[in-house]
All heavy atoms as atom14 arrays in JSON, in Angstrom:
{
  "sequence": "LFTHRGQRPALAALFAMYLEIREVLTECRDAEVARAKLGWWQEEI",
  "atom14_mask": [
    [1, 1, 1, 1, 1, 1, 1, 1, 0, 0, 0, 0, 0, 0],
    [1, 1, 1, 1, 1, 1, 1, 1, 1, 1, 1, 0, 0, 0],
    [1, 1, 1, 1, 1, 1, 1, 0, 0, 0, 0, 0, 0, 0],
    [1, 1, 1, 1, 1, 1, 1, 1, 1, 1, 0, 0, 0, 0],
    [1, 1, 1, 1, 1, 1, 1, 1, 1, 1, 1, 0, 0, 0],
    [1, 1, 1, 1, 0, 0, 0, 0, 0, 0, 0, 0, 0, 0],
    [1, 1, 1, 1, 1, 1, 1, 1, 1, 0, 0, 0, 0, 0],
    [1, 1, 1, 1, 1, 1, 1, 1, 1, 1, 1, 0, 0, 0],
    [1, 1, 1, 1, 1, 1, 1, 0, 0, 0, 0, 0, 0, 0],
    [1, 1, 1, 1, 1, 0, 0, 0, 0, 0, 0, 0, 0, 0],
    [1, 1, 1, 1, 1, 1, 1, 1, 0, 0, 0, 0, 0, 0],
    [1, 1, 1, 1, 1, 0, 0, 0, 0, 0, 0, 0, 0, 0],
    [1, 1, 1, 1, 1, 0, 0, 0, 0, 0, 0, 0, 0, 0],
    [1, 1, 1, 1, 1, 1, 1, 1, 0, 0, 0, 0, 0, 0],
    [1, 1, 1, 1, 1, 1, 1, 1, 1, 1, 1, 0, 0, 0],
    [1, 1, 1, 1, 1, 0, 0, 0, 0, 0, 0, 0, 0, 0],
    [1, 1, 1, 1, 1, 1, 1, 1, 0, 0, 0, 0, 0, 0],
    [1, 1, 1, 1, 1, 1, 1, 1, 1, 1, 1, 1, 0, 0],
    [1, 1, 1, 1, 1, 1, 1, 1, 0, 0, 0, 0, 0, 0],
    [1, 1, 1, 1, 1, 1, 1, 1, 1, 0, 0, 0, 0, 0],
    [1, 1, 1, 1, 1, 1, 1, 1, 0, 0, 0, 0, 0, 0],
    [1, 1, 1, 1, 1, 1, 1, 1, 1, 1, 1, 0, 0, 0],
    [1, 1, 1, 1, 1, 1, 1, 1, 1, 0, 0, 0, 0, 0],
    [1, 1, 1, 1, 1, 1, 1, 0, 0, 0, 0, 0, 0, 0],
    [1, 1, 1, 1, 1, 1, 1, 1, 0, 0, 0, 0, 0, 0],
    [1, 1, 1, 1, 1, 1, 1, 0, 0, 0, 0, 0, 0, 0],
    [1, 1, 1, 1, 1, 1, 1, 1, 1, 0, 0, 0, 0, 0],
    [1, 1, 1, 1, 1, 1, 0, 0, 0, 0, 0, 0, 0, 0],
    [1, 1, 1, 1, 1, 1, 1, 1, 1, 1, 1, 0, 0, 0],
    [1, 1, 1, 1, 1, 1, 1, 1, 0, 0, 0, 0, 0, 0],
    [1, 1, 1, 1, 1, 0, 0, 0, 0, 0, 0, 0, 0, 0],
    [1, 1, 1, 1, 1, 1, 1, 1, 1, 0, 0, 0, 0, 0],
    [1, 1, 1, 1, 1, 1, 1, 0, 0, 0, 0, 0, 0, 0],
    [1, 1, 1, 1, 1, 0, 0, 0, 0, 0, 0, 0, 0, 0],
    [1, 1, 1, 1, 1, 1, 1, 1, 1, 1, 1, 0, 0, 0],
    [1, 1, 1, 1, 1, 0, 0, 0, 0, 0, 0, 0, 0, 0],
    [1, 1, 1, 1, 1, 1, 1, 1, 1, 0, 0, 0, 0, 0],
    [1, 1, 1, 1, 1, 1, 1, 1, 0, 0, 0, 0, 0, 0],
    [1, 1, 1, 1, 0, 0, 0, 0, 0, 0, 0, 0, 0, 0],
    [1, 1, 1, 1, 1, 1, 1, 1, 1, 1, 1, 1, 1, 1],
    [1, 1, 1, 1, 1, 1, 1, 1, 1, 1, 1, 1, 1, 1],
    [1, 1, 1, 1, 1, 1, 1, 1, 1, 0, 0, 0, 0, 0],
    [1, 1, 1, 1, 1, 1, 1, 1, 1, 0, 0, 0, 0, 0],
    [1, 1, 1, 1, 1, 1, 1, 1, 1, 0, 0, 0, 0, 0],
    [1, 1, 1, 1, 1, 1, 1, 1, 0, 0, 0, 0, 0, 0]
  ],
  "atom14_positions": [
    [[0.82, -1.19, 0.01], [-0.01, -0.01, 0.0], [0.85, 1.27, 0.0], [0.55, 2.23, -0.7], [-0.93, -0.01, 1.2], [-1.87, 1.19, 1.33], [-2.83, 1.22, 0.17], [-2.6, 1.14, 2.67], [0.0, 0.0, 0.0], [0.0, 0.0, 0.0], [0.0, 0.0, 0.0], [0.0, 0.0, 0.0], [0.0, 0.0, 0.0], [0.0, 0.0, 0.0]],
    [[1.95, 1.27, 0.77], [2.77, 2.47, 0.91], [3.98, 2.52, -0.05], [4.82, 3.39, 0.05], [3.21, 2.66, 2.35], [2.06, 2.98, 3.25], [1.62, 2.07, 4.21], [1.4, 4.2, 3.15], [0.54, 2.37, 5.02], [0.35, 4.48, 3.96], [-0.08, 3.58, 4.92], [0.0, 0.0, 0.0], [0.0, 0.0, 0.0], [0.0, 0.0, 0.0]],
    [[4.01, 1.59, -0.98], [5.05, 1.62, -2.01], [4.57, 2.53, -3.13], [3.37, 2.72, -3.37], [5.26, 0.19, -2.55], [5.74, -0.63, -1.5], [6.24, 0.16, -3.68], [0.0, 0.0, 0.0], [0.0, 0.0, 0.0], [0.0, 0.0, 0.0], [0.0, 0.0, 0.0], [0.0, 0.0, 0.0], [0.0, 0.0, 0.0], [0.0, 0.0, 0.0]],
    [[5.52, 3.09, -3.85], [5.2, 3.95, -5.02], [4.21, 3.23, -5.92], [4.38, 2.01, -6.18], [6.5, 4.28, -5.76], [6.27, 5.23, -6.9], [5.94, 4.8, -8.15], [6.32, 6.57, -6.94], [5.79, 5.83, -8.95], [6.04, 6.92, -8.24], [0.0, 0.0, 0.0], [0.0, 0.0, 0.0], [0.0, 0.0, 0.0], [0.0, 0.0, 0.0]],
    [[3.21, 3.92, -6.37], [2.11, 3.33, -7.17], [2.63, 2.47, -8.34], [2.1, 1.41, -8.59], [1.18, 4.42, -7.65], [-0.02, 3.92, -8.36], [-0.93, 5.08, -8.76], [-1.38, 5.82, -7.62], [-2.54, 5.71, -7.0], [-3.44, 4.87, -7.48], [-2.85, 6.45, -5.99], [0.0, 0.0, 0.0], [0.0, 0.0, 0.0], [0.0, 0.0, 0.0]],
    [[3.61, 2.94, -9.01], [4.13, 2.2, -10.16], [4.84, 0.91, -9.81], [4.97, 0.02, -10.68], [0.0, 0.0, 0.0], [0.0, 0.0, 0.0], [0.0, 0.0, 0.0], [0.0, 0.0, 0.0], [0.0, 0.0, 0.0], [0.0, 0.0, 0.0], [0.0, 0.0, 0.0], [0.0, 0.0, 0.0], [0.0, 0.0, 0.0], [0.0, 0.0, 0.0]],
    [[5.28, 0.78, -8.57], [5.99, -0.43, -8.15], [5.1, -1.39, -7.38], [5.53, -2.53, -7.11], [7.15, -0.02, -7.27], [8.2, 0.8, -7.97], [9.28, 1.34, -7.05], [9.04, 1.49, -5.86], [10.41, 1.67, -7.6], [0.0, 0.0, 0.0], [0.0, 0.0, 0.0], [0.0, 0.0, 0.0], [0.0, 0.0, 0.0], [0.0, 0.0, 0.0]],
    [[3.89, -1.03, -7.11], [3.0, -1.89, -6.3], [2.74, -3.24, -6.94], [2.79, -4.29, -6.25], [1.67, -1.19, -6.0], [1.8, -0.11, -5.0], [0.49, 0.59, -4.78], [0.71, 1.81, -4.01], [-0.14, 2.77, -3.93], [-1.33, 2.69, -4.5], [0.13, 3.85, -3.21], [0.0, 0.0, 0.0], [0.0, 0.0, 0.0], [0.0, 0.0, 0.0]],
    [[2.36, -3.29, -8.2], [2.06, -4.61, -8.81], [3.24, -5.6, -8.72], [3.06, -6.75, -8.41], [1.68, -4.3, -10.25], [1.2, -2.9, -10.18], [2.04, -2.22, -9.15], [0.0, 0.0, 0.0], [0.0, 0.0, 0.0], [0.0, 0.0, 0.0], [0.0, 0.0, 0.0], [0.0, 0.0, 0.0], [0.0, 0.0, 0.0], [0.0, 0.0, 0.0]],
    [[4.45, -5.11, -9.0], [5.62, -5.97, -8.95], [5.92, -6.41, -7.52], [6.22, -7.61, -7.3], [6.83, -5.27, -9.52], [0.0, 0.0, 0.0], [0.0, 0.0, 0.0], [0.0, 0.0, 0.0], [0.0, 0.0, 0.0], [0.0, 0.0, 0.0], [0.0, 0.0, 0.0], [0.0, 0.0, 0.0], [0.0, 0.0, 0.0], [0.0, 0.0, 0.0]],
    [[5.79, -5.55, -6.54], [6.03, -5.93, -5.16], [4.96, -6.92, -4.69], [5.26, -7.89, -4.01], [6.05, -4.7, -4.25], [6.33, -4.95, -2.8], [7.72, -5.6, -2.6], [6.2, -3.7, -1.97], [0.0, 0.0, 0.0], [0.0, 0.0, 0.0], [0.0, 0.0, 0.0], [0.0, 0.0, 0.0], [0.0, 0.0, 0.0], [0.0, 0.0, 0.0]],
    [[3.74, -6.67, -5.08], [2.64, -7.57, -4.7], [2.89, -8.97, -5.34], [2.66, -9.98, -4.68], [1.31, -7.03, -5.18], [0.0, 0.0, 0.0], [0.0, 0.0, 0.0], [0.0, 0.0, 0.0], [0.0, 0.0, 0.0], [0.0, 0.0, 0.0], [0.0, 0.0, 0.0], [0.0, 0.0, 0.0], [0.0, 0.0, 0.0], [0.0, 0.0, 0.0]],
    [[3.33, -9.01, -6.56], [3.63, -10.27, -7.22], [4.74, -11.02, -6.52], [4.69, -12.23, -6.31], [3.97, -10.03, -8.67], [0.0, 0.0, 0.0], [0.0, 0.0, 0.0], [0.0, 0.0, 0.0], [0.0, 0.0, 0.0], [0.0, 0.0, 0.0], [0.0, 0.0, 0.0], [0.0, 0.0, 0.0], [0.0, 0.0, 0.0], [0.0, 0.0, 0.0]],
    [[5.79, -10.27, -6.11], [6.89, -10.88, -5.37], [6.44, -11.42, -4.03], [6.74, -12.56, -3.67], [8.0, -9.86, -5.19], [9.22, -10.31, -4.41], [9.92, -11.47, -5.12], [10.18, -9.17, -4.21], [0.0, 0.0, 0.0], [0.0, 0.0, 0.0], [0.0, 0.0, 0.0], [0.0, 0.0, 0.0], [0.0, 0.0, 0.0], [0.0, 0.0, 0.0]],
    [[5.69, -10.62, -3.29], [5.18, -11.09, -1.98], [4.24, -12.29, -2.14], [4.29, -13.22, -1.35], [4.42, -9.95, -1.28], [5.28, -8.95, -0.59], [4.74, -7.74, -0.19], [6.6, -9.15, -0.35], [5.52, -6.79, 0.48], [7.41, -8.22, 0.28], [6.85, -7.02, 0.72], [0.0, 0.0, 0.0], [0.0, 0.0, 0.0], [0.0, 0.0, 0.0]],
    [[3.39, -12.27, -3.18], [2.45, -13.38, -3.37], [3.21, -14.67, -3.64], [2.84, -15.73, -3.11], [1.5, -13.04, -4.53], [0.0, 0.0, 0.0], [0.0, 0.0, 0.0], [0.0, 0.0, 0.0], [0.0, 0.0, 0.0], [0.0, 0.0, 0.0], [0.0, 0.0, 0.0], [0.0, 0.0, 0.0], [0.0, 0.0, 0.0], [0.0, 0.0, 0.0]],
    [[4.24, -14.61, -4.46], [5.03, -15.81, -4.73], [5.74, -16.26, -3.46], [5.75, -17.47, -3.16], [6.03, -15.52, -5.84], [6.67, -16.77, -6.39], [7.62, -16.39, -7.86], [9.14, -17.2, -7.44], [0.0, 0.0, 0.0], [0.0, 0.0, 0.0], [0.0, 0.0, 0.0], [0.0, 0.0, 0.0], [0.0, 0.0, 0.0], [0.0, 0.0, 0.0]],
    [[6.31, -15.34, -2.72], [6.94, -15.67, -1.44], [5.94, -16.38, -0.5], [6.26, -17.44, 0.07], [7.51, -14.42, -0.79], [7.91, -14.6, 0.65], [9.12, -15.17, 0.95], [7.08, -14.24, 1.7], [9.52, -15.36, 2.27], [7.44, -14.41, 2.98], [8.65, -14.98, 3.29], [9.04, -15.17, 4.6], [0.0, 0.0, 0.0], [0.0, 0.0, 0.0]],
    [[4.76, -15.81, -0.37], [3.77, -16.38, 0.53], [3.31, -17.79, 0.04], [3.1, -18.68, 0.87], [2.55, -15.46, 0.62], [2.83, -14.15, 1.36], [1.71, -13.14, 1.1], [3.02, -14.37, 2.84], [0.0, 0.0, 0.0], [0.0, 0.0, 0.0], [0.0, 0.0, 0.0], [0.0, 0.0, 0.0], [0.0, 0.0, 0.0], [0.0, 0.0, 0.0]],
    [[3.22, -17.96, -1.24], [2.87, -19.26, -1.78], [3.93, -20.33, -1.42], [3.57, -21.43, -1.04], [2.69, -19.19, -3.32], [2.28, -20.46, -3.98], [0.78, -20.74, -3.8], [0.02, -19.87, -3.34], [0.4, -21.89, -4.16], [0.0, 0.0, 0.0], [0.0, 0.0, 0.0], [0.0, 0.0, 0.0], [0.0, 0.0, 0.0], [0.0, 0.0, 0.0]],
    [[5.18, -19.98, -1.57], [6.23, -20.9, -1.21], [6.23, -21.18, 0.3], [6.35, -22.34, 0.73], [7.61, -20.31, -1.64], [7.69, -20.25, -3.17], [8.77, -21.15, -1.09], [8.87, -19.48, -3.73], [0.0, 0.0, 0.0], [0.0, 0.0, 0.0], [0.0, 0.0, 0.0], [0.0, 0.0, 0.0], [0.0, 0.0, 0.0], [0.0, 0.0, 0.0]],
    [[6.03, -20.15, 1.09], [6.01, -20.37, 2.56], [4.83, -21.22, 3.01], [4.91, -21.83, 4.09], [5.97, -18.99, 3.26], [7.2, -18.15, 3.04], [8.41, -18.66, 3.75], [8.14, -18.65, 5.17], [8.96, -19.1, 6.07], [10.12, -19.59, 5.71], [8.65, -19.1, 7.36], [0.0, 0.0, 0.0], [0.0, 0.0, 0.0], [0.0, 0.0, 0.0]],
    [[3.77, -21.28, 2.22], [2.62, -22.09, 2.6], [2.94, -23.58, 2.59], [2.2, -24.37, 3.18], [1.44, -21.82, 1.66], [0.69, -20.59, 2.01], [-0.5, -20.35, 1.11], [-0.78, -21.22, 0.21], [-1.2, -19.34, 1.27], [0.0, 0.0, 0.0], [0.0, 0.0, 0.0], [0.0, 0.0, 0.0], [0.0, 0.0, 0.0], [0.0, 0.0, 0.0]],
    [[4.0, -23.97, 1.96], [4.41, -25.39, 1.96], [4.56, -25.89, 3.4], [4.21, -27.0, 3.73], [5.71, -25.57, 1.15], [6.26, -26.98, 1.33], [5.47, -25.29, -0.34], [0.0, 0.0, 0.0], [0.0, 0.0, 0.0], [0.0, 0.0, 0.0], [0.0, 0.0, 0.0], [0.0, 0.0, 0.0], [0.0, 0.0, 0.0], [0.0, 0.0, 0.0]],
    [[5.0, -25.0, 4.3], [5.18, -25.33, 5.68], [3.89, -25.77, 6.38], [3.83, -26.7, 7.16], [5.77, -24.19, 6.48], [7.23, -23.82, 6.21], [7.58, -22.54, 6.92], [8.13, -24.94, 6.59], [0.0, 0.0, 0.0], [0.0, 0.0, 0.0], [0.0, 0.0, 0.0], [0.0, 0.0, 0.0], [0.0, 0.0, 0.0], [0.0, 0.0, 0.0]],
    [[2.81, -25.05, 6.06], [1.56, -25.36, 6.71], [0.72, -26.39, 5.94], [-0.11, -27.05, 6.55], [0.71, -24.07, 6.85], [0.5, -23.49, 5.59], [1.39, -23.1, 7.8], [0.0, 0.0, 0.0], [0.0, 0.0, 0.0], [0.0, 0.0, 0.0], [0.0, 0.0, 0.0], [0.0, 0.0, 0.0], [0.0, 0.0, 0.0], [0.0, 0.0, 0.0]],
    [[0.95, -26.51, 4.67], [0.2, -27.5, 3.85], [0.67, -28.91, 4.04], [-0.13, -29.8, 3.97], [0.33, -27.13, 2.38], [-0.4, -25.92, 1.91], [-0.17, -25.63, 0.46], [0.7, -26.3, -0.17], [-0.86, -24.79, -0.11], [0.0, 0.0, 0.0], [0.0, 0.0, 0.0], [0.0, 0.0, 0.0], [0.0, 0.0, 0.0], [0.0, 0.0, 0.0]],
    [[1.98, -29.11, 4.21], [2.53, -30.44, 4.19], [2.87, -30.93, 5.59], [3.66, -30.3, 6.31], [3.77, -30.45, 3.32], [3.46, -29.98, 1.64], [0.0, 0.0, 0.0], [0.0, 0.0, 0.0], [0.0, 0.0, 0.0], [0.0, 0.0, 0.0], [0.0, 0.0, 0.0], [0.0, 0.0, 0.0], [0.0, 0.0, 0.0], [0.0, 0.0, 0.0]],
    [[2.34, -32.08, 5.94], [2.68, -32.72, 7.2], [3.77, -33.71, 6.99], [4.5, -34.03, 7.91], [1.45, -33.4, 7.79], [0.33, -32.45, 8.11], [0.67, -31.6, 9.31], [-0.35, -30.63, 9.51], [-0.14, -29.33, 9.74], [1.06, -28.89, 9.76], [-1.14, -28.52, 9.98], [0.0, 0.0, 0.0], [0.0, 0.0, 0.0], [0.0, 0.0, 0.0]],
    [[3.96, -34.2, 5.77], [4.97, -35.18, 5.44], [6.18, -34.44, 4.91], [6.11, -33.64, 3.97], [4.44, -36.13, 4.36], [5.41, -37.25, 4.06], [6.54, -36.92, 3.66], [4.99, -38.42, 4.13], [0.0, 0.0, 0.0], [0.0, 0.0, 0.0], [0.0, 0.0, 0.0], [0.0, 0.0, 0.0], [0.0, 0.0, 0.0], [0.0, 0.0, 0.0]],
    [[7.34, -34.67, 5.52], [8.6, -33.95, 5.13], [8.98, -34.26, 3.71], [9.49, -33.36, 2.99], [9.72, -34.39, 6.07], [0.0, 0.0, 0.0], [0.0, 0.0, 0.0], [0.0, 0.0, 0.0], [0.0, 0.0, 0.0], [0.0, 0.0, 0.0], [0.0, 0.0, 0.0], [0.0, 0.0, 0.0], [0.0, 0.0, 0.0], [0.0, 0.0, 0.0]],
    [[8.74, -35.46, 3.22], [9.13, -35.77, 1.83], [8.24, -35.04, 0.82], [8.71, -34.59, -0.22], [9.02, -37.29, 1.59], [10.07, -38.08, 2.3], [11.51, -37.6, 1.98], [11.81, -37.41, 0.76], [12.31, -37.41, 2.9], [0.0, 0.0, 0.0], [0.0, 0.0, 0.0], [0.0, 0.0, 0.0], [0.0, 0.0, 0.0], [0.0, 0.0, 0.0]],
    [[6.98, -34.88, 1.14], [6.07, -34.1, 0.27], [6.53, -32.65, 0.26], [6.57, -32.01, -0.8], [4.59, -34.24, 0.74], [3.7, -33.3, -0.04], [4.14, -35.68, 0.63], [0.0, 0.0, 0.0], [0.0, 0.0, 0.0], [0.0, 0.0, 0.0], [0.0, 0.0, 0.0], [0.0, 0.0, 0.0], [0.0, 0.0, 0.0], [0.0, 0.0, 0.0]],
    [[6.85, -32.13, 1.42], [7.35, -30.72, 1.49], [8.6, -30.56, 0.68], [8.75, -29.58, -0.03], [7.57, -30.33, 2.95], [0.0, 0.0, 0.0], [0.0, 0.0, 0.0], [0.0, 0.0, 0.0], [0.0, 0.0, 0.0], [0.0, 0.0, 0.0], [0.0, 0.0, 0.0], [0.0, 0.0, 0.0], [0.0, 0.0, 0.0], [0.0, 0.0, 0.0]],
    [[9.57, -31.48, 0.81], [10.78, -31.41, 0.03], [10.52, -31.43, -1.48], [11.11, -30.71, -2.25], [11.74, -32.55, 0.4], [12.54, -32.27, 1.61], [13.64, -33.32, 1.82], [14.01, -33.35, 3.21], [13.48, -34.17, 4.1], [12.6, -35.09, 3.77], [13.86, -34.12, 5.37], [0.0, 0.0, 0.0], [0.0, 0.0, 0.0], [0.0, 0.0, 0.0]],
    [[9.57, -32.29, -1.87], [9.21, -32.39, -3.28], [8.59, -31.07, -3.8], [8.95, -30.59, -4.88], [8.25, -33.55, -3.54], [0.0, 0.0, 0.0], [0.0, 0.0, 0.0], [0.0, 0.0, 0.0], [0.0, 0.0, 0.0], [0.0, 0.0, 0.0], [0.0, 0.0, 0.0], [0.0, 0.0, 0.0], [0.0, 0.0, 0.0], [0.0, 0.0, 0.0]],
    [[7.73, -30.5, -2.97], [7.11, -29.22, -3.37], [8.14, -28.09, -3.45], [8.13, -27.28, -4.37], [6.01, -28.8, -2.41], [4.74, -29.59, -2.6], [3.63, -29.04, -1.75], [2.32, -29.65, -2.15], [1.17, -28.87, -1.78], [0.0, 0.0, 0.0], [0.0, 0.0, 0.0], [0.0, 0.0, 0.0], [0.0, 0.0, 0.0], [0.0, 0.0, 0.0]],
    [[9.03, -28.05, -2.49], [10.09, -27.01, -2.51], [11.01, -27.25, -3.67], [11.52, -26.28, -4.3], [10.81, -26.97, -1.19], [9.99, -26.47, 0.0], [10.75, -26.62, 1.29], [9.59, -25.0, -0.22], [0.0, 0.0, 0.0], [0.0, 0.0, 0.0], [0.0, 0.0, 0.0], [0.0, 0.0, 0.0], [0.0, 0.0, 0.0], [0.0, 0.0, 0.0]],
    [[11.32, -28.51, -3.99], [12.14, -28.81, -5.18], [11.45, -28.34, -6.44], [12.09, -27.81, -7.33], [0.0, 0.0, 0.0], [0.0, 0.0, 0.0], [0.0, 0.0, 0.0], [0.0, 0.0, 0.0], [0.0, 0.0, 0.0], [0.0, 0.0, 0.0], [0.0, 0.0, 0.0], [0.0, 0.0, 0.0], [0.0, 0.0, 0.0], [0.0, 0.0, 0.0]],
    [[10.11, -28.5, -6.52], [9.38, -28.01, -7.68], [9.51, -26.49, -7.75], [9.69, -25.92, -8.83], [7.9, -28.42, -7.57], [7.14, -27.96, -8.81], [6.96, -28.71, -9.92], [6.51, -26.71, -9.0], [6.23, -27.97, -10.84], [5.95, -26.74, -10.3], [6.35, -25.56, -8.27], [5.28, -25.66, -10.84], [5.67, -24.48, -8.79], [5.12, -24.54, -10.08]],
    [[9.44, -25.81, -6.61], [9.56, -24.38, -6.61], [10.96, -23.91, -7.03], [11.13, -22.91, -7.71], [9.18, -23.77, -5.24], [7.72, -23.47, -5.2], [6.78, -24.13, -4.49], [7.03, -22.42, -5.9], [5.53, -23.59, -4.69], [5.66, -22.51, -5.57], [7.42, -21.42, -6.75], [4.72, -21.65, -6.09], [6.48, -20.57, -7.25], [5.14, -20.68, -6.93]],
    [[11.97, -24.67, -6.63], [13.33, -24.35, -7.1], [13.4, -24.44, -8.62], [14.0, -23.58, -9.29], [14.36, -25.22, -6.44], [14.55, -24.93, -4.98], [15.51, -25.84, -4.27], [15.66, -27.02, -4.65], [16.17, -25.34, -3.23], [0.0, 0.0, 0.0], [0.0, 0.0, 0.0], [0.0, 0.0, 0.0], [0.0, 0.0, 0.0], [0.0, 0.0, 0.0]],
    [[12.8, -25.49, -9.18], [12.75, -25.62, -10.64], [11.97, -24.47, -11.27], [12.33, -23.94, -12.29], [12.13, -26.93, -11.04], [13.0, -28.15, -10.69], [12.27, -29.44, -10.93], [11.18, -29.47, -11.54], [12.79, -30.49, -10.49], [0.0, 0.0, 0.0], [0.0, 0.0, 0.0], [0.0, 0.0, 0.0], [0.0, 0.0, 0.0], [0.0, 0.0, 0.0]],
    [[10.85, -24.1, -10.64], [10.03, -22.99, -11.1], [10.83, -21.69, -11.09], [10.68, -20.86, -12.03], [8.74, -22.87, -10.3], [7.84, -21.73, -10.71], [7.22, -21.91, -12.09], [7.47, -22.91, -12.77], [6.46, -20.99, -12.5], [0.0, 0.0, 0.0], [0.0, 0.0, 0.0], [0.0, 0.0, 0.0], [0.0, 0.0, 0.0], [0.0, 0.0, 0.0]],
    [[11.62, -21.48, -10.11], [12.46, -20.27, -10.05], [13.45, -20.28, -11.21], [13.67, -19.28, -11.86], [13.15, -20.16, -8.7], [12.13, -19.79, -7.62], [14.29, -19.1, -8.73], [12.61, -19.96, -6.17], [0.0, 0.0, 0.0], [0.0, 0.0, 0.0], [0.0, 0.0, 0.0], [0.0, 0.0, 0.0], [0.0, 0.0, 0.0], [0.0, 0.0, 0.0]]
  ]
}
């Protein structure tokens, strides 16, 4: 909200991707599943 108007969409996109990756912690109870998802995100990066 307090970022320069022209930079808001890019910052929001960056934060959204960060939050999506961090959700792996709460979504996955199995460590192997979490590792696989994080591995997929590394490939996606």
